[in-house]
Amino acid sequence: GLTKAEVVKAGTELKVPYELTWSCYNGREKPCHICGT
């Protein structure tokens, strides 16, 4: 029932190491910052 922004907030409170995560649909070395995700 939460938006993605609210999930980020909850994860930040849980101290999730977001620097280790990956969301980009393109599998390059760095995220493309262009795709929808």
All heavy atoms as atom14 arrays in JSON, in Angstrom:
{
  "sequence": "GLTKAEVVKAGTELKVPYELTWSCYNGREKPCHICGT",
  "atom14_mask": [
    [1, 1, 1, 1, 0, 0, 0, 0, 0, 0, 0, 0, 0, 0],
    [1, 1, 1, 1, 1, 1, 1, 1, 0, 0, 0, 0, 0, 0],
    [1, 1, 1, 1, 1, 1, 1, 0, 0, 0, 0, 0, 0, 0],
    [1, 1, 1, 1, 1, 1, 1, 1, 1, 0, 0, 0, 0, 0],
    [1, 1, 1, 1, 1, 0, 0, 0, 0, 0, 0, 0, 0, 0],
    [1, 1, 1, 1, 1, 1, 1, 1, 1, 0, 0, 0, 0, 0],
    [1, 1, 1, 1, 1, 1, 1, 0, 0, 0, 0, 0, 0, 0],
    [1, 1, 1, 1, 1, 1, 1, 0, 0, 0, 0, 0, 0, 0],
    [1, 1, 1, 1, 1, 1, 1, 1, 1, 0, 0, 0, 0, 0],
    [1, 1, 1, 1, 1, 0, 0, 0, 0, 0, 0, 0, 0, 0],
    [1, 1, 1, 1, 0, 0, 0, 0, 0, 0, 0, 0, 0, 0],
    [1, 1, 1, 1, 1, 1, 1, 0, 0, 0, 0, 0, 0, 0],
    [1, 1, 1, 1, 1, 1, 1, 1, 1, 0, 0, 0, 0, 0],
    [1, 1, 1, 1, 1, 1, 1, 1, 0, 0, 0, 0, 0, 0],
    [1, 1, 1, 1, 1, 1, 1, 1, 1, 0, 0, 0, 0, 0],
    [1, 1, 1, 1, 1, 1, 1, 0, 0, 0, 0, 0, 0, 0],
    [1, 1, 1, 1, 1, 1, 1, 0, 0, 0, 0, 0, 0, 0],
    [1, 1, 1, 1, 1, 1, 1, 1, 1, 1, 1, 1, 0, 0],
    [1, 1, 1, 1, 1, 1, 1, 1, 1, 0, 0, 0, 0, 0],
    [1, 1, 1, 1, 1, 1, 1, 1, 0, 0, 0, 0, 0, 0],
    [1, 1, 1, 1, 1, 1, 1, 0, 0, 0, 0, 0, 0, 0],
    [1, 1, 1, 1, 1, 1, 1, 1, 1, 1, 1, 1, 1, 1],
    [1, 1, 1, 1, 1, 1, 0, 0, 0, 0, 0, 0, 0, 0],
    [1, 1, 1, 1, 1, 1, 0, 0, 0, 0, 0, 0, 0, 0],
    [1, 1, 1, 1, 1, 1, 1, 1, 1, 1, 1, 1, 0, 0],
    [1, 1, 1, 1, 1, 1, 1, 1, 0, 0, 0, 0, 0, 0],
    [1, 1, 1, 1, 0, 0, 0, 0, 0, 0, 0, 0, 0, 0],
    [1, 1, 1, 1, 1, 1, 1, 1, 1, 1, 1, 0, 0, 0],
    [1, 1, 1, 1, 1, 1, 1, 1, 1, 0, 0, 0, 0, 0],
    [1, 1, 1, 1, 1, 1, 1, 1, 1, 0, 0, 0, 0, 0],
    [1, 1, 1, 1, 1, 1, 1, 0, 0, 0, 0, 0, 0, 0],
    [1, 1, 1, 1, 1, 1, 0, 0, 0, 0, 0, 0, 0, 0],
    [1, 1, 1, 1, 1, 1, 1, 1, 1, 1, 0, 0, 0, 0],
    [1, 1, 1, 1, 1, 1, 1, 1, 0, 0, 0, 0, 0, 0],
    [1, 1, 1, 1, 1, 1, 0, 0, 0, 0, 0, 0, 0, 0],
    [1, 1, 1, 1, 0, 0, 0, 0, 0, 0, 0, 0, 0, 0],
    [1, 1, 1, 1, 1, 1, 1, 0, 0, 0, 0, 0, 0, 0]
  ],
  "atom14_positions": [
    [[0.8, -1.22, 0.0], [0.0, 0.0, 0.0], [0.83, 1.27, 0.0], [0.28, 2.37, 0.06], [0.0, 0.0, 0.0], [0.0, 0.0, 0.0], [0.0, 0.0, 0.0], [0.0, 0.0, 0.0], [0.0, 0.0, 0.0], [0.0, 0.0, 0.0], [0.0, 0.0, 0.0], [0.0, 0.0, 0.0], [0.0, 0.0, 0.0], [0.0, 0.0, 0.0]],
    [[2.17, 1.12, -0.11], [3.07, 2.27, -0.06], [3.57, 2.66, -1.45], [3.71, 1.81, -2.33], [4.28, 1.96, 0.82], [4.02, 1.54, 2.28], [5.35, 1.38, 3.0], [3.13, 2.53, 2.99], [0.0, 0.0, 0.0], [0.0, 0.0, 0.0], [0.0, 0.0, 0.0], [0.0, 0.0, 0.0], [0.0, 0.0, 0.0], [0.0, 0.0, 0.0]],
    [[3.88, 3.93, -1.63], [4.54, 4.37, -2.85], [6.02, 4.01, -2.76], [6.53, 3.66, -1.69], [4.42, 5.89, -3.02], [5.15, 6.53, -1.94], [2.97, 6.34, -2.99], [0.0, 0.0, 0.0], [0.0, 0.0, 0.0], [0.0, 0.0, 0.0], [0.0, 0.0, 0.0], [0.0, 0.0, 0.0], [0.0, 0.0, 0.0], [0.0, 0.0, 0.0]],
    [[6.73, 4.13, -3.88], [8.16, 3.82, -3.86], [8.92, 4.78, -2.95], [9.87, 4.4, -2.27], [8.74, 3.86, -5.27], [10.07, 3.12, -5.39], [10.49, 2.95, -6.82], [11.65, 1.96, -6.97], [11.25, 0.57, -6.74], [0.0, 0.0, 0.0], [0.0, 0.0, 0.0], [0.0, 0.0, 0.0], [0.0, 0.0, 0.0], [0.0, 0.0, 0.0]],
    [[8.49, 6.04, -2.94], [9.12, 7.01, -2.04], [8.95, 6.59, -0.58], [9.87, 6.73, 0.24], [8.53, 8.4, -2.27], [0.0, 0.0, 0.0], [0.0, 0.0, 0.0], [0.0, 0.0, 0.0], [0.0, 0.0, 0.0], [0.0, 0.0, 0.0], [0.0, 0.0, 0.0], [0.0, 0.0, 0.0], [0.0, 0.0, 0.0], [0.0, 0.0, 0.0]],
    [[7.78, 6.07, -0.25], [7.54, 5.62, 1.12], [8.35, 4.36, 1.44], [8.77, 4.16, 2.59], [6.04, 5.36, 1.32], [5.22, 6.65, 1.33], [3.73, 6.42, 1.27], [3.29, 5.4, 0.7], [2.98, 7.28, 1.79], [0.0, 0.0, 0.0], [0.0, 0.0, 0.0], [0.0, 0.0, 0.0], [0.0, 0.0, 0.0], [0.0, 0.0, 0.0]],
    [[8.58, 3.52, 0.43], [9.43, 2.35, 0.63], [10.87, 2.78, 0.9], [11.54, 2.25, 1.79], [9.39, 1.4, -0.59], [10.39, 0.26, -0.43], [7.99, 0.82, -0.78], [0.0, 0.0, 0.0], [0.0, 0.0, 0.0], [0.0, 0.0, 0.0], [0.0, 0.0, 0.0], [0.0, 0.0, 0.0], [0.0, 0.0, 0.0], [0.0, 0.0, 0.0]],
    [[11.35, 3.76, 0.13], [12.7, 4.29, 0.35], [12.82, 4.85, 1.77], [13.83, 4.65, 2.46], [13.05, 5.36, -0.69], [14.3, 6.15, -0.29], [13.28, 4.72, -2.05], [0.0, 0.0, 0.0], [0.0, 0.0, 0.0], [0.0, 0.0, 0.0], [0.0, 0.0, 0.0], [0.0, 0.0, 0.0], [0.0, 0.0, 0.0], [0.0, 0.0, 0.0]],
    [[11.79, 5.55, 2.22], [11.78, 6.1, 3.59], [11.88, 4.97, 4.61], [12.68, 5.03, 5.56], [10.52, 6.93, 3.82], [10.43, 7.57, 5.2], [9.19, 8.44, 5.31], [9.16, 9.21, 6.62], [9.03, 8.32, 7.8], [0.0, 0.0, 0.0], [0.0, 0.0, 0.0], [0.0, 0.0, 0.0], [0.0, 0.0, 0.0], [0.0, 0.0, 0.0]],
    [[11.05, 3.92, 4.42], [11.07, 2.79, 5.36], [12.43, 2.1, 5.33], [12.98, 1.73, 6.38], [9.96, 1.81, 4.99], [0.0, 0.0, 0.0], [0.0, 0.0, 0.0], [0.0, 0.0, 0.0], [0.0, 0.0, 0.0], [0.0, 0.0, 0.0], [0.0, 0.0, 0.0], [0.0, 0.0, 0.0], [0.0, 0.0, 0.0], [0.0, 0.0, 0.0]],
    [[12.98, 1.92, 4.13], [14.28, 1.28, 4.02], [15.4, 2.1, 4.63], [16.33, 1.55, 5.23], [0.0, 0.0, 0.0], [0.0, 0.0, 0.0], [0.0, 0.0, 0.0], [0.0, 0.0, 0.0], [0.0, 0.0, 0.0], [0.0, 0.0, 0.0], [0.0, 0.0, 0.0], [0.0, 0.0, 0.0], [0.0, 0.0, 0.0], [0.0, 0.0, 0.0]],
    [[15.31, 3.42, 4.49], [16.3, 4.3, 5.09], [16.28, 4.18, 6.61], [17.32, 4.13, 7.27], [16.05, 5.76, 4.67], [16.13, 5.85, 3.24], [17.07, 6.69, 5.29], [0.0, 0.0, 0.0], [0.0, 0.0, 0.0], [0.0, 0.0, 0.0], [0.0, 0.0, 0.0], [0.0, 0.0, 0.0], [0.0, 0.0, 0.0], [0.0, 0.0, 0.0]],
    [[15.08, 4.08, 7.17], [14.94, 3.91, 8.62], [15.5, 2.56, 9.06], [16.0, 2.43, 10.19], [13.47, 4.04, 9.01], [12.94, 5.46, 8.84], [11.43, 5.57, 8.99], [10.77, 4.5, 9.11], [10.91, 6.7, 8.99], [0.0, 0.0, 0.0], [0.0, 0.0, 0.0], [0.0, 0.0, 0.0], [0.0, 0.0, 0.0], [0.0, 0.0, 0.0]],
    [[15.43, 1.57, 8.17], [15.98, 0.24, 8.48], [17.47, 0.16, 8.15], [18.08, -0.9, 8.32], [15.22, -0.82, 7.67], [13.78, -1.12, 8.11], [13.05, -1.91, 7.03], [13.78, -1.9, 9.42], [0.0, 0.0, 0.0], [0.0, 0.0, 0.0], [0.0, 0.0, 0.0], [0.0, 0.0, 0.0], [0.0, 0.0, 0.0], [0.0, 0.0, 0.0]],
    [[18.02, 1.27, 7.64], [19.45, 1.34, 7.28], [19.83, 0.34, 6.19], [20.89, -0.3, 6.24], [20.33, 1.16, 8.52], [20.04, 2.18, 9.62], [21.04, 2.06, 10.74], [20.69, 2.97, 11.92], [20.41, 4.37, 11.56], [0.0, 0.0, 0.0], [0.0, 0.0, 0.0], [0.0, 0.0, 0.0], [0.0, 0.0, 0.0], [0.0, 0.0, 0.0]],
    [[18.97, 0.23, 5.18], [19.27, -0.63, 4.04], [20.47, -0.06, 3.28], [20.51, 1.15, 3.01], [18.05, -0.72, 3.09], [18.41, -1.48, 1.81], [16.88, -1.39, 3.79], [0.0, 0.0, 0.0], [0.0, 0.0, 0.0], [0.0, 0.0, 0.0], [0.0, 0.0, 0.0], [0.0, 0.0, 0.0], [0.0, 0.0, 0.0], [0.0, 0.0, 0.0]],
    [[21.45, -0.89, 2.92], [22.61, -0.39, 2.15], [22.24, -0.22, 0.68], [22.58, -1.04, -0.18], [23.64, -1.5, 2.36], [22.83, -2.75, 2.5], [21.59, -2.32, 3.25], [0.0, 0.0, 0.0], [0.0, 0.0, 0.0], [0.0, 0.0, 0.0], [0.0, 0.0, 0.0], [0.0, 0.0, 0.0], [0.0, 0.0, 0.0], [0.0, 0.0, 0.0]],
    [[21.52, 0.85, 0.39], [21.01, 1.06, -0.96], [22.12, 1.16, -2.01], [21.87, 0.96, -3.2], [20.14, 2.32, -1.0], [18.74, 2.11, -0.46], [18.16, 3.04, 0.38], [18.0, 0.98, -0.81], [16.87, 2.87, 0.87], [16.72, 0.79, -0.32], [16.16, 1.73, 0.51], [14.89, 1.56, 0.99], [0.0, 0.0, 0.0], [0.0, 0.0, 0.0]],
    [[23.33, 1.46, -1.58], [24.44, 1.52, -2.52], [24.79, 0.15, -3.1], [25.46, 0.06, -4.14], [25.68, 2.14, -1.86], [26.34, 1.27, -0.8], [25.7, 1.38, 0.58], [24.64, 2.05, 0.7], [26.24, 0.8, 1.54], [0.0, 0.0, 0.0], [0.0, 0.0, 0.0], [0.0, 0.0, 0.0], [0.0, 0.0, 0.0], [0.0, 0.0, 0.0]],
    [[24.31, -0.91, -2.47], [24.56, -2.27, -2.96], [23.45, -2.77, -3.89], [23.59, -3.82, -4.5], [24.7, -3.25, -1.79], [25.81, -2.98, -0.78], [25.81, -4.05, 0.31], [27.17, -2.91, -1.45], [0.0, 0.0, 0.0], [0.0, 0.0, 0.0], [0.0, 0.0, 0.0], [0.0, 0.0, 0.0], [0.0, 0.0, 0.0], [0.0, 0.0, 0.0]],
    [[22.36, -2.03, -3.98], [21.2, -2.48, -4.75], [21.34, -2.14, -6.23], [22.18, -1.34, -6.62], [19.9, -1.87, -4.2], [19.93, -0.44, -4.36], [19.72, -2.21, -2.72], [0.0, 0.0, 0.0], [0.0, 0.0, 0.0], [0.0, 0.0, 0.0], [0.0, 0.0, 0.0], [0.0, 0.0, 0.0], [0.0, 0.0, 0.0], [0.0, 0.0, 0.0]],
    [[20.46, -2.75, -7.03], [20.45, -2.49, -8.47], [19.01, -2.48, -8.96], [18.23, -3.37, -8.62], [21.23, -3.56, -9.23], [21.33, -3.28, -10.71], [20.5, -3.75, -11.69], [22.31, -2.46, -11.35], [20.89, -3.25, -12.91], [22.0, -2.47, -12.75], [23.39, -1.72, -10.91], [22.75, -1.76, -13.67], [24.14, -1.02, -11.84], [23.82, -1.04, -13.21]],
    [[18.66, -1.48, -9.76], [17.31, -1.37, -10.29], [17.26, -1.27, -11.81], [16.24, -1.62, -12.42], [16.6, -0.14, -9.7], [16.57, -0.19, -8.29], [0.0, 0.0, 0.0], [0.0, 0.0, 0.0], [0.0, 0.0, 0.0], [0.0, 0.0, 0.0], [0.0, 0.0, 0.0], [0.0, 0.0, 0.0], [0.0, 0.0, 0.0], [0.0, 0.0, 0.0]],
    [[18.3, -0.77, -12.43], [18.31, -0.46, -13.86], [18.02, -1.69, -14.73], [18.54, -2.78, -14.48], [19.66, 0.13, -14.23], [19.79, 0.64, -15.95], [0.0, 0.0, 0.0], [0.0, 0.0, 0.0], [0.0, 0.0, 0.0], [0.0, 0.0, 0.0], [0.0, 0.0, 0.0], [0.0, 0.0, 0.0], [0.0, 0.0, 0.0], [0.0, 0.0, 0.0]],
    [[17.21, -1.48, -15.77], [16.89, -2.56, -16.7], [18.03, -2.86, -17.67], [18.04, -3.88, -18.34], [15.64, -2.19, -17.52], [14.34, -2.28, -16.74], [13.28, -1.44, -17.07], [14.18, -3.18, -15.72], [12.08, -1.51, -16.38], [12.99, -3.25, -15.02], [11.94, -2.42, -15.36], [10.76, -2.49, -14.68], [0.0, 0.0, 0.0], [0.0, 0.0, 0.0]],
    [[18.98, -1.93, -17.76], [20.12, -2.12, -18.66], [21.32, -2.56, -17.84], [21.68, -1.91, -16.86], [20.43, -0.81, -19.39], [19.29, -0.41, -20.31], [19.16, -0.95, -21.4], [18.45, 0.53, -19.87], [0.0, 0.0, 0.0], [0.0, 0.0, 0.0], [0.0, 0.0, 0.0], [0.0, 0.0, 0.0], [0.0, 0.0, 0.0], [0.0, 0.0, 0.0]],
    [[21.97, -3.62, -18.23], [23.01, -4.23, -17.42], [24.4, -3.71, -17.65], [25.36, -4.48, -17.73], [0.0, 0.0, 0.0], [0.0, 0.0, 0.0], [0.0, 0.0, 0.0], [0.0, 0.0, 0.0], [0.0, 0.0, 0.0], [0.0, 0.0, 0.0], [0.0, 0.0, 0.0], [0.0, 0.0, 0.0], [0.0, 0.0, 0.0], [0.0, 0.0, 0.0]],
    [[24.54, -2.4, -17.74], [25.86, -1.82, -17.93], [26.57, -1.7, -16.58], [26.01, -2.02, -15.54], [25.74, -0.46, -18.61], [25.06, -0.53, -19.99], [25.08, 0.84, -20.65], [24.54, 0.78, -22.0], [23.29, 1.09, -22.32], [22.45, 1.47, -21.38], [22.87, 1.02, -23.57], [0.0, 0.0, 0.0], [0.0, 0.0, 0.0], [0.0, 0.0, 0.0]],
    [[27.79, -1.18, -16.62], [28.56, -1.03, -15.38], [27.87, -0.09, -14.41], [27.89, -0.3, -13.19], [29.96, -0.52, -15.7], [30.85, -0.38, -14.47], [32.22, 0.17, -14.79], [32.53, 0.33, -15.99], [32.99, 0.45, -13.84], [0.0, 0.0, 0.0], [0.0, 0.0, 0.0], [0.0, 0.0, 0.0], [0.0, 0.0, 0.0], [0.0, 0.0, 0.0]],
    [[27.26, 0.97, -14.94], [26.54, 1.96, -14.14], [25.08, 2.02, -14.59], [24.77, 1.71, -15.74], [27.17, 3.35, -14.31], [28.64, 3.43, -13.91], [28.81, 3.42, -12.43], [30.27, 3.66, -12.05], [30.47, 3.69, -10.59], [0.0, 0.0, 0.0], [0.0, 0.0, 0.0], [0.0, 0.0, 0.0], [0.0, 0.0, 0.0], [0.0, 0.0, 0.0]],
    [[24.17, 2.42, -13.7], [22.77, 2.6, -14.12], [22.66, 3.61, -15.24], [23.41, 4.59, -15.29], [22.09, 3.11, -12.85], [22.96, 2.67, -11.73], [24.36, 2.71, -12.26], [0.0, 0.0, 0.0], [0.0, 0.0, 0.0], [0.0, 0.0, 0.0], [0.0, 0.0, 0.0], [0.0, 0.0, 0.0], [0.0, 0.0, 0.0], [0.0, 0.0, 0.0]],
    [[21.7, 3.42, -16.15], [21.56, 4.32, -17.3], [20.91, 5.64, -16.93], [21.09, 6.64, -17.61], [20.75, 3.64, -18.41], [18.99, 3.4, -18.04], [0.0, 0.0, 0.0], [0.0, 0.0, 0.0], [0.0, 0.0, 0.0], [0.0, 0.0, 0.0], [0.0, 0.0, 0.0], [0.0, 0.0, 0.0], [0.0, 0.0, 0.0], [0.0, 0.0, 0.0]],
    [[20.09, 5.65, -15.85], [19.37, 6.84, -15.4], [18.34, 7.33, -16.43], [17.87, 8.46, -16.36], [20.33, 7.98, -15.05], [21.36, 7.6, -14.04], [21.05, 7.33, -12.73], [22.69, 7.37, -14.16], [22.14, 6.99, -12.08], [23.15, 6.99, -12.93], [0.0, 0.0, 0.0], [0.0, 0.0, 0.0], [0.0, 0.0, 0.0], [0.0, 0.0, 0.0]],
    [[18.01, 6.49, -17.38], [17.06, 6.86, -18.44], [15.83, 5.96, -18.44], [14.72, 6.43, -18.68], [17.75, 6.8, -19.82], [18.89, 7.8, -19.89], [16.74, 7.07, -20.94], [19.7, 7.72, -21.17], [0.0, 0.0, 0.0], [0.0, 0.0, 0.0], [0.0, 0.0, 0.0], [0.0, 0.0, 0.0], [0.0, 0.0, 0.0], [0.0, 0.0, 0.0]],
    [[16.01, 4.67, -18.18], [14.87, 3.74, -18.23], [13.87, 4.07, -17.12], [14.18, 4.78, -16.16], [15.36, 2.29, -18.13], [16.03, 1.82, -16.51], [0.0, 0.0, 0.0], [0.0, 0.0, 0.0], [0.0, 0.0, 0.0], [0.0, 0.0, 0.0], [0.0, 0.0, 0.0], [0.0, 0.0, 0.0], [0.0, 0.0, 0.0], [0.0, 0.0, 0.0]],
    [[12.66, 3.52, -17.25], [11.58, 3.84, -16.31], [11.93, 3.56, -14.87], [11.61, 4.36, -13.98], [0.0, 0.0, 0.0], [0.0, 0.0, 0.0], [0.0, 0.0, 0.0], [0.0, 0.0, 0.0], [0.0, 0.0, 0.0], [0.0, 0.0, 0.0], [0.0, 0.0, 0.0], [0.0, 0.0, 0.0], [0.0, 0.0, 0.0], [0.0, 0.0, 0.0]],
    [[12.58, 2.42, -14.62], [12.86, 2.07, -13.23], [13.94, 2.97, -12.64], [13.9, 3.3, -11.45], [13.24, 0.57, -13.1], [13.3, 0.22, -11.74], [14.56, 0.27, -13.75], [0.0, 0.0, 0.0], [0.0, 0.0, 0.0], [0.0, 0.0, 0.0], [0.0, 0.0, 0.0], [0.0, 0.0, 0.0], [0.0, 0.0, 0.0], [0.0, 0.0, 0.0]]
  ]
}
